[in-house]
Amino acid sequence: YCALQQLLGLLPIADVRSGYARAQSARILRTLGLEYEAEHAFHASVKVARLHQDDWLLARAKLGLGVLSRKRGRHPDARAHFEEVLAVASRFPDLM
């Protein structure tokens, strides 16, 4: 975990690839049971996605936040995240 955090600290937020790396690391952290750390990484990924207007990254990060919220029993929060993912997906008719 520490090595992963150090690596992510080296990635500039100005680089969209850092958002994808953060989203993937968040999934790993969630799998390891490190929910607080995963949530932090997902939020950082959302920030990068909005900065670069990257809908794919935004959907991936919001989906992860929705799963975390659902797991914690915060169903209204989970629903809001999932609805945002659906809104993003609706902009890509090939996916729907």
PDB file of N, CA and C in Angstrom:
ATOM      1  N   TYR A   1       0.818  -1.191   0.000  1.00  0.00           N
ATOM      2  CA  TYR A   1       0.000   0.000   0.000  1.00  0.00           C
ATOM      3  C   TYR A   1       0.862   1.256   0.000  1.00  0.00           C
ATOM      4  N   CYS A   2       1.884   1.304   0.831  1.00  0.00           N
ATOM      5  CA  CYS A   2       2.741   2.488   0.907  1.00  0.00           C
ATOM      6  C   CYS A   2       3.425   2.767  -0.430  1.00  0.00           C
ATOM      7  N   ALA A   3       3.888   1.712  -1.088  1.00  0.00           N
ATOM      8  CA  ALA A   3       4.548   1.898  -2.379  1.00  0.00           C
ATOM      9  C   ALA A   3       3.566   2.448  -3.406  1.00  0.00           C
ATOM     10  N   LEU A   4       2.331   1.971  -3.360  1.00  0.00           N
ATOM     11  CA  LEU A   4       1.306   2.451  -4.276  1.00  0.00           C
ATOM     12  C   LEU A   4       1.032   3.930  -4.033  1.00  0.00           C
ATOM     13  N   GLN A   5       0.925   4.338  -2.779  1.00  0.00           N
ATOM     14  CA  GLN A   5       0.680   5.733  -2.444  1.00  0.00           C
ATOM     15  C   GLN A   5       1.848   6.616  -2.881  1.00  0.00           C
ATOM     16  N   GLN A   6       3.072   6.133  -2.704  1.00  0.00           N
ATOM     17  CA  GLN A   6       4.236   6.905  -3.138  1.00  0.00           C
ATOM     18  C   GLN A   6       4.233   7.091  -4.646  1.00  0.00           C
ATOM     19  N   LEU A   7       3.900   6.045  -5.371  1.00  0.00           N
ATOM     20  CA  LEU A   7       3.849   6.127  -6.827  1.00  0.00           C
ATOM     21  C   LEU A   7       2.791   7.125  -7.273  1.00  0.00           C
ATOM     22  N   LEU A   8       1.617   7.073  -6.675  1.00  0.00           N
ATOM     23  CA  LEU A   8       0.544   7.990  -7.048  1.00  0.00           C
ATOM     24  C   LEU A   8       0.908   9.430  -6.715  1.00  0.00           C
ATOM     25  N   GLY A   9       1.674   9.620  -5.669  1.00  0.00           N
ATOM     26  CA  GLY A   9       2.117  10.963  -5.302  1.00  0.00           C
ATOM     27  C   GLY A   9       3.037  11.578  -6.336  1.00  0.00           C
ATOM     28  N   LEU A  10       3.685  10.753  -7.125  1.00  0.00           N
ATOM     29  CA  LEU A  10       4.596  11.244  -8.154  1.00  0.00           C
ATOM     30  C   LEU A  10       3.876  11.636  -9.443  1.00  0.00           C
ATOM     31  N   LEU A  11       2.639  11.177  -9.604  1.00  0.00           N
ATOM     32  CA  LEU A  11       1.905  11.438 -10.842  1.00  0.00           C
ATOM     33  C   LEU A  11       1.256  12.815 -10.794  1.00  0.00           C
ATOM     34  N   PRO A  12       1.540  13.641 -11.786  1.00  0.00           N
ATOM     35  CA  PRO A  12       0.936  14.985 -11.799  1.00  0.00           C
ATOM     36  C   PRO A  12      -0.545  14.921 -12.149  1.00  0.00           C
ATOM     37  N   ILE A  13      -1.340  15.721 -11.460  1.00  0.00           N
ATOM     38  CA  ILE A  13      -2.780  15.730 -11.713  1.00  0.00           C
ATOM     39  C   ILE A  13      -3.078  16.288 -13.105  1.00  0.00           C
ATOM     40  N   ALA A  14      -2.130  17.023 -13.660  1.00  0.00           N
ATOM     41  CA  ALA A  14      -2.325  17.588 -14.994  1.00  0.00           C
ATOM     42  C   ALA A  14      -2.295  16.516 -16.079  1.00  0.00           C
ATOM     43  N   ASP A  15      -1.866  15.328 -15.744  1.00  0.00           N
ATOM     44  CA  ASP A  15      -1.786  14.223 -16.704  1.00  0.00           C
ATOM     45  C   ASP A  15      -2.997  13.317 -16.512  1.00  0.00           C
ATOM     46  N   VAL A  16      -3.814  13.183 -17.550  1.00  0.00           N
ATOM     47  CA  VAL A  16      -5.032  12.385 -17.439  1.00  0.00           C
ATOM     48  C   VAL A  16      -4.721  10.932 -17.074  1.00  0.00           C
ATOM     49  N   ARG A  17      -3.563  10.453 -17.466  1.00  0.00           N
ATOM     50  CA  ARG A  17      -3.205   9.067 -17.117  1.00  0.00           C
ATOM     51  C   ARG A  17      -3.126   8.875 -15.613  1.00  0.00           C
ATOM     52  N   SER A  18      -2.828   9.939 -14.879  1.00  0.00           N
ATOM     53  CA  SER A  18      -2.791   9.825 -13.419  1.00  0.00           C
ATOM     54  C   SER A  18      -4.183   9.505 -12.883  1.00  0.00           C
ATOM     55  N   GLY A  19      -5.219  10.011 -13.545  1.00  0.00           N
ATOM     56  CA  GLY A  19      -6.584   9.718 -13.122  1.00  0.00           C
ATOM     57  C   GLY A  19      -6.927   8.250 -13.296  1.00  0.00           C
ATOM     58  N   TYR A  20      -6.491   7.683 -14.435  1.00  0.00           N
ATOM     59  CA  TYR A  20      -6.736   6.247 -14.658  1.00  0.00           C
ATOM     60  C   TYR A  20      -5.947   5.396 -13.669  1.00  0.00           C
ATOM     61  N   ALA A  21      -4.718   5.812 -13.369  1.00  0.00           N
ATOM     62  CA  ALA A  21      -3.912   5.078 -12.389  1.00  0.00           C
ATOM     63  C   ALA A  21      -4.554   5.153 -11.008  1.00  0.00           C
ATOM     64  N   ARG A  22      -5.072   6.319 -10.659  1.00  0.00           N
ATOM     65  CA  ARG A  22      -5.724   6.477  -9.357  1.00  0.00           C
ATOM     66  C   ARG A  22      -7.009   5.642  -9.280  1.00  0.00           C
ATOM     67  N   ALA A  23      -7.773   5.611 -10.362  1.00  0.00           N
ATOM     68  CA  ALA A  23      -9.005   4.811 -10.370  1.00  0.00           C
ATOM     69  C   ALA A  23      -8.689   3.329 -10.214  1.00  0.00           C
ATOM     70  N   GLN A  24      -7.664   2.874 -10.911  1.00  0.00           N
ATOM     71  CA  GLN A  24      -7.290   1.456 -10.794  1.00  0.00           C
ATOM     72  C   GLN A  24      -6.764   1.143  -9.397  1.00  0.00           C
ATOM     73  N   SER A  25      -5.957   2.049  -8.857  1.00  0.00           N
ATOM     74  CA  SER A  25      -5.440   1.812  -7.505  1.00  0.00           C
ATOM     75  C   SER A  25      -6.580   1.816  -6.493  1.00  0.00           C
ATOM     76  N   ALA A  26      -7.587   2.652  -6.724  1.00  0.00           N
ATOM     77  CA  ALA A  26      -8.738   2.684  -5.815  1.00  0.00           C
ATOM     78  C   ALA A  26      -9.458   1.343  -5.809  1.00  0.00           C
ATOM     79  N   ARG A  27      -9.588   0.738  -6.979  1.00  0.00           N
ATOM     80  CA  ARG A  27     -10.230  -0.579  -7.050  1.00  0.00           C
ATOM     81  C   ARG A  27      -9.421  -1.609  -6.260  1.00  0.00           C
ATOM     82  N   ILE A  28      -8.109  -1.535  -6.383  1.00  0.00           N
ATOM     83  CA  ILE A  28      -7.245  -2.458  -5.634  1.00  0.00           C
ATOM     84  C   ILE A  28      -7.391  -2.220  -4.143  1.00  0.00           C
ATOM     85  N   LEU A  29      -7.363  -0.948  -3.739  1.00  0.00           N
ATOM     86  CA  LEU A  29      -7.502  -0.613  -2.322  1.00  0.00           C
ATOM     87  C   LEU A  29      -8.844  -1.091  -1.773  1.00  0.00           C
ATOM     88  N   ARG A  30      -9.907  -0.927  -2.565  1.00  0.00           N
ATOM     89  CA  ARG A  30     -11.226  -1.397  -2.133  1.00  0.00           C
ATOM     90  C   ARG A  30     -11.223  -2.905  -1.937  1.00  0.00           C
ATOM     91  N   THR A  31     -10.586  -3.616  -2.852  1.00  0.00           N
ATOM     92  CA  THR A  31     -10.502  -5.065  -2.753  1.00  0.00           C
ATOM     93  C   THR A  31      -9.738  -5.493  -1.504  1.00  0.00           C
ATOM     94  N   LEU A  32      -8.739  -4.698  -1.130  1.00  0.00           N
ATOM     95  CA  LEU A  32      -7.941  -4.999   0.065  1.00  0.00           C
ATOM     96  C   LEU A  32      -8.646  -4.590   1.354  1.00  0.00           C
ATOM     97  N   GLY A  33      -9.816  -3.979   1.218  1.00  0.00           N
ATOM     98  CA  GLY A  33     -10.559  -3.558   2.402  1.00  0.00           C
ATOM     99  C   GLY A  33     -10.168  -2.190   2.915  1.00  0.00           C
ATOM    100  N   LEU A  34      -9.372  -1.463   2.168  1.00  0.00           N
ATOM    101  CA  LEU A  34      -8.928  -0.126   2.570  1.00  0.00           C
ATOM    102  C   LEU A  34      -9.896   0.896   1.963  1.00  0.00           C
ATOM    103  N   GLU A  35     -11.089   0.949   2.529  1.00  0.00           N
ATOM    104  CA  GLU A  35     -12.163   1.742   1.940  1.00  0.00           C
ATOM    105  C   GLU A  35     -11.911   3.243   1.986  1.00  0.00           C
ATOM    106  N   TYR A  36     -11.386   3.745   3.091  1.00  0.00           N
ATOM    107  CA  TYR A  36     -11.117   5.179   3.188  1.00  0.00           C
ATOM    108  C   TYR A  36     -10.106   5.601   2.132  1.00  0.00           C
ATOM    109  N   GLU A  37      -9.059   4.831   1.989  1.00  0.00           N
ATOM    110  CA  GLU A  37      -8.022   5.130   1.005  1.00  0.00           C
ATOM    111  C   GLU A  37      -8.572   5.025  -0.420  1.00  0.00           C
ATOM    112  N   ALA A  38      -9.429   4.016  -0.638  1.00  0.00           N
ATOM    113  CA  ALA A  38     -10.047   3.845  -1.950  1.00  0.00           C
ATOM    114  C   ALA A  38     -10.929   5.043  -2.279  1.00  0.00           C
ATOM    115  N   GLU A  39     -11.704   5.484  -1.312  1.00  0.00           N
ATOM    116  CA  GLU A  39     -12.578   6.635  -1.542  1.00  0.00           C
ATOM    117  C   GLU A  39     -11.754   7.874  -1.898  1.00  0.00           C
ATOM    118  N   HIS A  40     -10.681   8.089  -1.194  1.00  0.00           N
ATOM    119  CA  HIS A  40      -9.800   9.226  -1.474  1.00  0.00           C
ATOM    120  C   HIS A  40      -9.257   9.141  -2.905  1.00  0.00           C
ATOM    121  N   ALA A  41      -8.823   7.962  -3.315  1.00  0.00           N
ATOM    122  CA  ALA A  41      -8.277   7.777  -4.668  1.00  0.00           C
ATOM    123  C   ALA A  41      -9.359   7.961  -5.735  1.00  0.00           C
ATOM    124  N   PHE A  42     -10.576   7.478  -5.477  1.00  0.00           N
ATOM    125  CA  PHE A  42     -11.666   7.685  -6.434  1.00  0.00           C
ATOM    126  C   PHE A  42     -11.978   9.176  -6.584  1.00  0.00           C
ATOM    127  N   HIS A  43     -12.000   9.901  -5.459  1.00  0.00           N
ATOM    128  CA  HIS A  43     -12.276  11.340  -5.529  1.00  0.00           C
ATOM    129  C   HIS A  43     -11.179  12.076  -6.304  1.00  0.00           C
ATOM    130  N   ALA A  44      -9.936  11.670  -6.107  1.00  0.00           N
ATOM    131  CA  ALA A  44      -8.835  12.276  -6.866  1.00  0.00           C
ATOM    132  C   ALA A  44      -8.999  11.991  -8.354  1.00  0.00           C
ATOM    133  N   SER A  45      -9.452  10.806  -8.675  1.00  0.00           N
ATOM    134  CA  SER A  45      -9.685  10.427 -10.060  1.00  0.00           C
ATOM    135  C   SER A  45     -10.820  11.258 -10.668  1.00  0.00           C
ATOM    136  N   VAL A  46     -11.874  11.506  -9.903  1.00  0.00           N
ATOM    137  CA  VAL A  46     -12.972  12.359 -10.365  1.00  0.00           C
ATOM    138  C   VAL A  46     -12.454  13.759 -10.667  1.00  0.00           C
ATOM    139  N   LYS A  47     -11.595  14.262  -9.795  1.00  0.00           N
ATOM    140  CA  LYS A  47     -11.022  15.595  -9.988  1.00  0.00           C
ATOM    141  C   LYS A  47     -10.252  15.674 -11.311  1.00  0.00           C
ATOM    142  N   VAL A  48      -9.447  14.661 -11.591  1.00  0.00           N
ATOM    143  CA  VAL A  48      -8.689  14.620 -12.844  1.00  0.00           C
ATOM    144  C   VAL A  48      -9.643  14.520 -14.032  1.00  0.00           C
ATOM    145  N   ALA A  49     -10.668  13.693 -13.902  1.00  0.00           N
ATOM    146  CA  ALA A  49     -11.634  13.510 -14.992  1.00  0.00           C
ATOM    147  C   ALA A  49     -12.338  14.821 -15.328  1.00  0.00           C
ATOM    148  N   ARG A  50     -12.727  15.557 -14.307  1.00  0.00           N
ATOM    149  CA  ARG A  50     -13.405  16.837 -14.552  1.00  0.00           C
ATOM    150  C   ARG A  50     -12.441  17.864 -15.130  1.00  0.00           C
ATOM    151  N   LEU A  51     -11.207  17.863 -14.658  1.00  0.00           N
ATOM    152  CA  LEU A  51     -10.197  18.786 -15.171  1.00  0.00           C
ATOM    153  C   LEU A  51      -9.974  18.571 -16.662  1.00  0.00           C
ATOM    154  N   HIS A  52      -9.956  17.320 -17.091  1.00  0.00           N
ATOM    155  CA  HIS A  52      -9.673  16.973 -18.490  1.00  0.00           C
ATOM    156  C   HIS A  52     -10.930  16.670 -19.300  1.00  0.00           C
ATOM    157  N   GLN A  53     -12.103  16.796 -18.675  1.00  0.00           N
ATOM    158  CA  GLN A  53     -13.378  16.507 -19.332  1.00  0.00           C
ATOM    159  C   GLN A  53     -13.365  15.108 -19.965  1.00  0.00           C
ATOM    160  N   ASP A  54     -12.918  14.145 -19.184  1.00  0.00           N
ATOM    161  CA  ASP A  54     -12.805  12.751 -19.633  1.00  0.00           C
ATOM    162  C   ASP A  54     -13.986  11.964 -19.064  1.00  0.00           C
ATOM    163  N   ASP A  55     -15.003  11.755 -19.902  1.00  0.00           N
ATOM    164  CA  ASP A  55     -16.216  11.080 -19.447  1.00  0.00           C
ATOM    165  C   ASP A  55     -15.988   9.628 -19.046  1.00  0.00           C
ATOM    166  N   TRP A  56     -15.117   8.948 -19.749  1.00  0.00           N
ATOM    167  CA  TRP A  56     -14.847   7.539 -19.410  1.00  0.00           C
ATOM    168  C   TRP A  56     -14.254   7.438 -18.011  1.00  0.00           C
ATOM    169  N   LEU A  57     -13.292   8.288 -17.732  1.00  0.00           N
ATOM    170  CA  LEU A  57     -12.668   8.280 -16.411  1.00  0.00           C
ATOM    171  C   LEU A  57     -13.670   8.685 -15.342  1.00  0.00           C
ATOM    172  N   LEU A  58     -14.482   9.693 -15.635  1.00  0.00           N
ATOM    173  CA  LEU A  58     -15.496  10.127 -14.674  1.00  0.00           C
ATOM    174  C   LEU A  58     -16.446   8.976 -14.344  1.00  0.00           C
ATOM    175  N   ALA A  59     -16.914   8.271 -15.367  1.00  0.00           N
ATOM    176  CA  ALA A  59     -17.829   7.149 -15.131  1.00  0.00           C
ATOM    177  C   ALA A  59     -17.167   6.051 -14.306  1.00  0.00           C
ATOM    178  N   ARG A  60     -15.927   5.766 -14.604  1.00  0.00           N
ATOM    179  CA  ARG A  60     -15.222   4.700 -13.874  1.00  0.00           C
ATOM    180  C   ARG A  60     -15.070   5.055 -12.391  1.00  0.00           C
ATOM    181  N   ALA A  61     -14.685   6.310 -12.125  1.00  0.00           N
ATOM    182  CA  ALA A  61     -14.484   6.736 -10.740  1.00  0.00           C
ATOM    183  C   ALA A  61     -15.815   6.829  -9.991  1.00  0.00           C
ATOM    184  N   LYS A  62     -16.847   7.367 -10.643  1.00  0.00           N
ATOM    185  CA  LYS A  62     -18.143   7.485  -9.983  1.00  0.00           C
ATOM    186  C   LYS A  62     -18.761   6.113  -9.717  1.00  0.00           C
ATOM    187  N   LEU A  63     -18.532   5.164 -10.619  1.00  0.00           N
ATOM    188  CA  LEU A  63     -19.003   3.809 -10.391  1.00  0.00           C
ATOM    189  C   LEU A  63     -18.348   3.234  -9.133  1.00  0.00           C
ATOM    190  N   GLY A  64     -17.049   3.447  -9.010  1.00  0.00           N
ATOM    191  CA  GLY A  64     -16.337   2.979  -7.813  1.00  0.00           C
ATOM    192  C   GLY A  64     -16.863   3.627  -6.548  1.00  0.00           C
ATOM    193  N   LEU A  65     -17.151   4.931  -6.608  1.00  0.00           N
ATOM    194  CA  LEU A  65     -17.711   5.607  -5.436  1.00  0.00           C
ATOM    195  C   LEU A  65     -19.107   5.066  -5.117  1.00  0.00           C
ATOM    196  N   GLY A  66     -19.861   4.736  -6.152  1.00  0.00           N
ATOM    197  CA  GLY A  66     -21.183   4.164  -5.930  1.00  0.00           C
ATOM    198  C   GLY A  66     -21.121   2.810  -5.240  1.00  0.00           C
ATOM    199  N   VAL A  67     -20.179   1.994  -5.672  1.00  0.00           N
ATOM    200  CA  VAL A  67     -20.006   0.673  -5.045  1.00  0.00           C
ATOM    201  C   VAL A  67     -19.614   0.837  -3.577  1.00  0.00           C
ATOM    202  N   LEU A  68     -18.698   1.755  -3.299  1.00  0.00           N
ATOM    203  CA  LEU A  68     -18.296   1.990  -1.908  1.00  0.00           C
ATOM    204  C   LEU A  68     -19.477   2.480  -1.069  1.00  0.00           C
ATOM    205  N   SER A  69     -20.239   3.426  -1.608  1.00  0.00           N
ATOM    206  CA  SER A  69     -21.389   3.952  -0.867  1.00  0.00           C
ATOM    207  C   SER A  69     -22.414   2.865  -0.595  1.00  0.00           C
ATOM    208  N   ARG A  70     -22.664   2.030  -1.603  1.00  0.00           N
ATOM    209  CA  ARG A  70     -23.628   0.932  -1.420  1.00  0.00           C
ATOM    210  C   ARG A  70     -23.141  -0.034  -0.349  1.00  0.00           C
ATOM    211  N   LYS A  71     -21.873  -0.336  -0.396  1.00  0.00           N
ATOM    212  CA  LYS A  71     -21.291  -1.271   0.581  1.00  0.00           C
ATOM    213  C   LYS A  71     -21.405  -0.727   2.007  1.00  0.00           C
ATOM    214  N   ARG A  72     -21.327   0.588   2.143  1.00  0.00           N
ATOM    215  CA  ARG A  72     -21.404   1.228   3.456  1.00  0.00           C
ATOM    216  C   ARG A  72     -22.845   1.495   3.895  1.00  0.00           C
ATOM    217  N   GLY A  73     -23.806   1.139   3.041  1.00  0.00           N
ATOM    218  CA  GLY A  73     -25.205   1.347   3.385  1.00  0.00           C
ATOM    219  C   GLY A  73     -25.694   2.758   3.117  1.00  0.00           C
ATOM    220  N   ARG A  74     -24.918   3.553   2.422  1.00  0.00           N
ATOM    221  CA  ARG A  74     -25.309   4.929   2.081  1.00  0.00           C
ATOM    222  C   ARG A  74     -25.995   4.900   0.711  1.00  0.00           C
ATOM    223  N   HIS A  75     -27.194   4.359   0.693  1.00  0.00           N
ATOM    224  CA  HIS A  75     -27.896   4.109  -0.564  1.00  0.00           C
ATOM    225  C   HIS A  75     -28.230   5.367  -1.364  1.00  0.00           C
ATOM    226  N   PRO A  76     -28.652   6.466  -0.729  1.00  0.00           N
ATOM    227  CA  PRO A  76     -28.896   7.676  -1.535  1.00  0.00           C
ATOM    228  C   PRO A  76     -27.627   8.178  -2.238  1.00  0.00           C
ATOM    229  N   ASP A  77     -26.501   8.109  -1.553  1.00  0.00           N
ATOM    230  CA  ASP A  77     -25.227   8.506  -2.174  1.00  0.00           C
ATOM    231  C   ASP A  77     -24.880   7.564  -3.324  1.00  0.00           C
ATOM    232  N   ALA A  78     -25.073   6.275  -3.096  1.00  0.00           N
ATOM    233  CA  ALA A  78     -24.779   5.288  -4.139  1.00  0.00           C
ATOM    234  C   ALA A  78     -25.635   5.555  -5.364  1.00  0.00           C
ATOM    235  N   ARG A  79     -26.908   5.800  -5.129  1.00  0.00           N
ATOM    236  CA  ARG A  79     -27.810   6.066  -6.253  1.00  0.00           C
ATOM    237  C   ARG A  79     -27.369   7.298  -7.043  1.00  0.00           C
ATOM    238  N   ALA A  80     -26.966   8.348  -6.345  1.00  0.00           N
ATOM    239  CA  ALA A  80     -26.522   9.574  -7.022  1.00  0.00           C
ATOM    240  C   ALA A  80     -25.300   9.292  -7.899  1.00  0.00           C
ATOM    241  N   HIS A  81     -24.362   8.515  -7.380  1.00  0.00           N
ATOM    242  CA  HIS A  81     -23.173   8.166  -8.171  1.00  0.00           C
ATOM    243  C   HIS A  81     -23.565   7.326  -9.388  1.00  0.00           C
ATOM    244  N   PHE A  82     -24.404   6.334  -9.177  1.00  0.00           N
ATOM    245  CA  PHE A  82     -24.811   5.466 -10.283  1.00  0.00           C
ATOM    246  C   PHE A  82     -25.606   6.238 -11.339  1.00  0.00           C
ATOM    247  N   GLU A  83     -26.453   7.160 -10.898  1.00  0.00           N
ATOM    248  CA  GLU A  83     -27.211   7.966 -11.862  1.00  0.00           C
ATOM    249  C   GLU A  83     -26.288   8.859 -12.689  1.00  0.00           C
ATOM    250  N   GLU A  84     -25.231   9.356 -12.071  1.00  0.00           N
ATOM    251  CA  GLU A  84     -24.274  10.155 -12.838  1.00  0.00           C
ATOM    252  C   GLU A  84     -23.557   9.288 -13.874  1.00  0.00           C
ATOM    253  N   VAL A  85     -23.252   8.052 -13.508  1.00  0.00           N
ATOM    254  CA  VAL A  85     -22.640   7.133 -14.471  1.00  0.00           C
ATOM    255  C   VAL A  85     -23.588   6.898 -15.649  1.00  0.00           C
ATOM    256  N   LEU A  86     -24.867   6.697 -15.364  1.00  0.00           N
ATOM    257  CA  LEU A  86     -25.843   6.496 -16.437  1.00  0.00           C
ATOM    258  C   LEU A  86     -25.980   7.734 -17.323  1.00  0.00           C
ATOM    259  N   ALA A  87     -25.895   8.914 -16.721  1.00  0.00           N
ATOM    260  CA  ALA A  87     -25.968  10.151 -17.510  1.00  0.00           C
ATOM    261  C   ALA A  87     -24.782  10.253 -18.457  1.00  0.00           C
ATOM    262  N   VAL A  88     -23.614   9.888 -17.968  1.00  0.00           N
ATOM    263  CA  VAL A  88     -22.422   9.900 -18.819  1.00  0.00           C
ATOM    264  C   VAL A  88     -22.579   8.864 -19.930  1.00  0.00           C
ATOM    265  N   ALA A  89     -23.039   7.681 -19.575  1.00  0.00           N
ATOM    266  CA  ALA A  89     -23.184   6.605 -20.559  1.00  0.00           C
ATOM    267  C   ALA A  89     -24.207   6.965 -21.629  1.00  0.00           C
ATOM    268  N   SER A  90     -25.210   7.740 -21.268  1.00  0.00           N
ATOM    269  CA  SER A  90     -26.240   8.098 -22.253  1.00  0.00           C
ATOM    270  C   SER A  90     -25.683   8.992 -23.355  1.00  0.00           C
ATOM    271  N   ARG A  91     -24.545   9.607 -23.125  1.00  0.00           N
ATOM    272  CA  ARG A  91     -23.906  10.426 -24.161  1.00  0.00           C
ATOM    273  C   ARG A  91     -23.190   9.568 -25.197  1.00  0.00           C
ATOM    274  N   PHE A  92     -23.137   8.267 -24.924  1.00  0.00           N
ATOM    275  CA  PHE A  92     -22.502   7.308 -25.839  1.00  0.00           C
ATOM    276  C   PHE A  92     -23.544   6.282 -26.256  1.00  0.00           C
ATOM    277  N   PRO A  93     -24.336   6.573 -27.295  1.00  0.00           N
ATOM    278  CA  PRO A  93     -25.451   5.692 -27.667  1.00  0.00           C
ATOM    279  C   PRO A  93     -25.028   4.263 -27.969  1.00  0.00           C
ATOM    280  N   ASP A  94     -23.794   4.047 -28.387  1.00  0.00           N
ATOM    281  CA  ASP A  94     -23.342   2.690 -28.685  1.00  0.00           C
ATOM    282  C   ASP A  94     -23.299   1.822 -27.442  1.00  0.00           C
ATOM    283  N   LEU A  95     -23.248   2.440 -26.264  1.00  0.00           N
ATOM    284  CA  LEU A  95     -23.172   1.677 -25.027  1.00  0.00           C
ATOM    285  C   LEU A  95     -24.546   1.320 -24.474  1.00  0.00           C
ATOM    286  N   MET A  96     -25.530   2.080 -24.844  1.00  0.00           N
ATOM    287  CA  MET A  96     -26.857   1.903 -24.258  1.00  0.00           C
ATOM    288  C   MET A  96     -27.681   0.897 -25.030  1.00  0.00           C
TER     289      MET A  96
END
